[in-house]
Amino acid sequence: MAHVLRLVVGLGNPGSKYEGTRHNIGFMALERMASREGFIFRQQTKLHGLSAEYGISESRLRLLMPQTYMNDSGRAIRAALDWFGFTPEQLLVLVDDMDIPLGRLRLRAQGSAGGHNGLRSTIQHLGTQAFPRLRIGIGAPADNPAERRARTVSYVLGPFSKAEQPEVNAVLDGVLEAIHRIQRQGLDRAGNWINGFRPSLE
């Protein structure tokens, strides 16, 4: 059962300056889970982040929000895997993705960093690309490649607009459902639902 989900890591940047920004949607998902399920995150110096536990016995999950800044996320993830004795296959990284429209999700068991600094750092520290990641679509700032490149940093470090908020809420709910499905069904079966997810905006 080496592939059983044990550790969920949301990627983001620490500090109030970055709260609610597109790059922090991984943090936002775990914060939503904490407020919904009634647990709190605590600073864990040895894990370089804020950590919490959710569930009991076999279904217990460790949750981590690295406080290392995005570009060094892998250091916290490596520390957590070593501390708890988990393998990279037992990890799920929640990460924003500009190549996916807002409101869509994509689950992958492994893969490259795809230009994402948090994933690049994780691959570097774990020495492998073989760890599951749930890519959360945030949409792109522009279709034109040059304009997109020019606006990427201000876009990912900017907040979601008021108009986007209903879709953000719906997709965060989708992320929490995705985590439960991965726990219950495993990556492959859960992936069918996750990769076909569409937010219902009622």
Protein backbone atom coordinates (compact mmCIF):
# COMPACT_ATOMS: atom_id res chain seq x y z
CA MET A 1 0.00 0.00 0.00
CA ALA A 2 2.97 2.30 -0.64
CA HIS A 3 0.85 4.53 -2.89
CA VAL A 4 -1.77 5.32 -0.22
CA LEU A 5 -2.13 9.08 0.24
CA ARG A 6 -0.48 10.26 3.47
CA LEU A 7 0.73 13.83 2.92
CA VAL A 8 -0.98 16.72 1.13
CA VAL A 9 1.13 19.82 0.48
CA GLY A 10 -0.38 23.08 -0.74
CA LEU A 11 2.08 25.38 -2.47
CA GLY A 12 2.12 29.14 -2.00
CA ASN A 13 4.06 32.07 -0.60
CA PRO A 14 3.91 32.93 3.13
CA GLY A 15 2.78 36.26 4.53
CA SER A 16 -0.30 38.47 4.31
CA LYS A 17 1.07 40.16 1.18
CA TYR A 18 0.39 36.99 -0.83
CA GLU A 19 -2.92 35.90 0.71
CA GLY A 20 -5.58 35.19 -1.88
CA THR A 21 -3.21 35.49 -4.85
CA ARG A 22 -3.41 33.06 -7.77
CA HIS A 23 -0.04 31.50 -6.91
CA ASN A 24 -1.43 30.66 -3.45
CA ILE A 25 -4.41 28.58 -4.51
CA GLY A 26 -2.72 25.50 -2.99
CA PHE A 27 -2.67 27.27 0.39
CA MET A 28 -6.27 28.40 -0.14
CA ALA A 29 -7.46 24.81 -0.60
CA LEU A 30 -5.89 23.63 2.66
CA GLU A 31 -7.16 26.71 4.51
CA ARG A 32 -10.66 25.93 3.27
CA MET A 33 -10.32 22.34 4.47
CA ALA A 34 -9.18 23.55 7.91
CA SER A 35 -12.08 25.97 8.32
CA ARG A 36 -14.58 23.37 7.09
CA GLU A 37 -13.29 20.46 9.19
CA GLY A 38 -12.38 22.50 12.27
CA PHE A 39 -8.64 21.92 12.64
CA ILE A 40 -5.81 24.45 12.78
CA PHE A 41 -2.36 24.71 11.25
CA ARG A 42 0.62 25.20 13.53
CA GLN A 43 4.14 26.32 12.77
CA GLN A 44 6.54 23.35 12.63
CA THR A 45 10.09 24.62 12.43
CA LYS A 46 11.51 21.20 11.56
CA LEU A 47 9.16 21.01 8.57
CA HIS A 48 9.81 24.61 7.45
CA GLY A 49 6.08 25.18 7.33
CA LEU A 50 2.61 25.15 8.85
CA SER A 51 1.31 21.66 9.45
CA ALA A 52 -1.88 19.96 10.59
CA GLU A 53 -3.41 16.50 10.82
CA TYR A 54 -6.82 15.45 9.63
CA GLY A 55 -8.64 12.15 10.10
CA ILE A 56 -7.85 9.15 12.25
CA SER A 57 -5.88 5.88 12.01
CA GLU A 58 -5.60 4.60 8.42
CA SER A 59 -7.27 7.63 6.87
CA ARG A 60 -5.13 10.18 8.71
CA LEU A 61 -3.62 12.84 6.47
CA ARG A 62 -0.73 15.14 7.27
CA LEU A 63 -1.13 18.56 5.70
CA LEU A 64 1.63 21.05 5.02
CA MET A 65 1.88 24.64 3.80
CA PRO A 66 5.61 25.36 3.27
CA GLN A 67 6.74 28.74 4.59
CA THR A 68 9.92 28.72 2.50
CA TYR A 69 8.54 30.78 -0.40
CA MET A 70 7.50 29.05 -3.59
CA ASN A 71 10.97 28.70 -5.12
CA ASP A 72 12.21 26.61 -2.18
CA SER A 73 9.07 24.53 -1.53
CA GLY A 74 10.97 21.30 -2.05
CA ARG A 75 13.01 21.80 1.10
CA ALA A 76 9.87 21.66 3.27
CA ILE A 77 8.42 18.71 1.34
CA ARG A 78 11.68 16.75 1.66
CA ALA A 79 11.78 17.49 5.42
CA ALA A 80 8.17 16.31 5.85
CA LEU A 81 8.68 13.06 3.91
CA ASP A 82 11.81 12.32 5.94
CA TRP A 83 10.21 13.21 9.26
CA PHE A 84 7.09 11.08 8.74
CA GLY A 85 8.84 8.30 6.83
CA PHE A 86 6.67 8.66 3.71
CA THR A 87 7.64 8.03 0.09
CA PRO A 88 7.10 10.49 -2.79
CA GLU A 89 4.26 8.24 -4.05
CA GLN A 90 2.36 8.94 -0.81
CA LEU A 91 2.45 12.69 -1.47
CA LEU A 92 -0.02 14.97 -3.22
CA VAL A 93 1.13 18.48 -4.18
CA LEU A 94 -1.58 21.11 -4.79
CA VAL A 95 -0.26 23.62 -7.30
CA ASP A 96 -1.54 26.47 -9.47
CA ASP A 97 -1.32 26.07 -13.26
CA MET A 98 -1.60 28.85 -15.86
CA ASP A 99 -1.97 26.37 -18.72
CA ILE A 100 -5.31 25.18 -17.35
CA PRO A 101 -8.45 27.37 -17.37
CA LEU A 102 -9.77 28.59 -14.03
CA GLY A 103 -12.22 26.04 -12.65
CA ARG A 104 -10.49 22.97 -14.08
CA LEU A 105 -8.29 20.39 -12.38
CA ARG A 106 -5.68 17.97 -13.68
CA LEU A 107 -4.26 15.07 -11.68
CA ARG A 108 -0.94 13.55 -12.67
CA ALA A 109 1.02 10.77 -10.95
CA GLN A 110 4.31 12.26 -12.19
CA GLY A 111 5.76 14.69 -14.67
CA SER A 112 8.04 17.65 -15.27
CA ALA A 113 7.87 21.01 -13.52
CA GLY A 114 6.17 22.57 -16.54
CA GLY A 115 7.82 25.92 -15.77
CA HIS A 116 6.49 26.01 -12.19
CA ASN A 117 9.16 27.00 -9.65
CA GLY A 118 7.49 25.18 -6.76
CA LEU A 119 7.42 21.90 -8.70
CA ARG A 120 10.96 22.49 -9.96
CA SER A 121 12.18 22.86 -6.37
CA THR A 122 10.26 19.75 -5.31
CA ILE A 123 11.73 17.64 -8.12
CA GLN A 124 15.19 18.92 -7.22
CA HIS A 125 14.87 18.10 -3.50
CA LEU A 126 13.16 14.73 -3.98
CA GLY A 127 15.44 13.67 -6.83
CA THR A 128 12.44 12.36 -8.78
CA GLN A 129 9.51 13.55 -10.90
CA ALA A 130 7.45 10.58 -9.70
CA PHE A 131 5.15 12.19 -7.17
CA PRO A 132 1.43 12.95 -7.65
CA ARG A 133 0.37 16.54 -8.21
CA LEU A 134 -3.04 18.14 -8.53
CA ARG A 135 -2.78 21.08 -10.91
CA ILE A 136 -5.40 23.73 -10.19
CA GLY A 137 -6.20 25.92 -13.19
CA ILE A 138 -5.82 29.67 -12.72
CA GLY A 139 -6.02 30.62 -16.42
CA ALA A 140 -3.45 32.71 -18.29
CA PRO A 141 -3.01 36.51 -18.35
CA ALA A 142 -3.04 36.57 -22.18
CA ASP A 143 -3.17 34.31 -25.24
CA ASN A 144 -0.25 36.03 -26.96
CA PRO A 145 2.98 34.28 -25.78
CA ALA A 146 5.07 37.47 -25.50
CA GLU A 147 2.35 39.34 -23.61
CA ARG A 148 1.79 36.31 -21.41
CA ARG A 149 5.48 36.16 -20.49
CA ALA A 150 5.57 39.88 -19.73
CA ARG A 151 2.54 39.66 -17.44
CA THR A 152 3.14 36.28 -15.77
CA VAL A 153 4.69 37.52 -12.50
CA SER A 154 2.15 40.28 -11.82
CA TYR A 155 -0.64 37.87 -12.79
CA VAL A 156 0.27 34.95 -10.52
CA LEU A 157 1.14 37.28 -7.63
CA GLY A 158 -2.12 39.21 -8.09
CA PRO A 159 -5.48 38.45 -6.44
CA PHE A 160 -8.42 36.79 -8.15
CA SER A 161 -10.95 39.32 -9.41
CA LYS A 162 -14.40 39.66 -7.88
CA ALA A 163 -15.90 38.15 -11.03
CA GLU A 164 -13.67 35.07 -10.69
CA GLN A 165 -14.57 34.46 -7.05
CA PRO A 166 -17.58 32.11 -7.60
CA GLU A 167 -15.43 29.91 -9.82
CA VAL A 168 -12.57 30.00 -7.31
CA ASN A 169 -14.93 28.86 -4.53
CA ALA A 170 -16.33 26.09 -6.71
CA VAL A 171 -12.91 24.79 -7.70
CA LEU A 172 -11.65 24.86 -4.10
CA ASP A 173 -14.60 22.66 -3.18
CA GLY A 174 -13.58 20.46 -6.11
CA VAL A 175 -10.05 20.16 -4.72
CA LEU A 176 -11.37 18.98 -1.34
CA GLU A 177 -13.59 16.43 -3.05
CA ALA A 178 -10.60 15.33 -5.15
CA ILE A 179 -8.51 14.68 -2.02
CA HIS A 180 -11.29 12.56 -0.49
CA ARG A 181 -11.67 10.59 -3.73
CA ILE A 182 -7.94 9.93 -3.98
CA GLN A 183 -8.01 8.64 -0.40
CA ARG A 184 -10.99 6.36 -1.05
CA GLN A 185 -10.41 5.25 -4.64
CA GLY A 186 -6.71 5.70 -5.41
CA LEU A 187 -5.16 7.91 -8.08
CA ASP A 188 -6.42 6.18 -11.22
CA ARG A 189 -10.10 5.97 -10.38
CA ALA A 190 -10.18 9.37 -8.70
CA GLY A 191 -8.37 10.83 -11.70
CA ASN A 192 -11.30 10.11 -14.01
CA TRP A 193 -13.56 12.33 -11.92
CA ILE A 194 -10.90 14.96 -11.23
CA ASN A 195 -9.78 15.42 -14.83
CA GLY A 196 -13.39 15.73 -15.94
CA PHE A 197 -14.30 18.21 -13.19
CA ARG A 198 -16.42 21.21 -14.13
CA PRO A 199 -17.45 23.73 -11.45
CA SER A 200 -21.16 24.08 -10.88
CA LEU A 201 -21.88 27.78 -10.44
CA GLU A 202 -25.32 28.05 -8.94
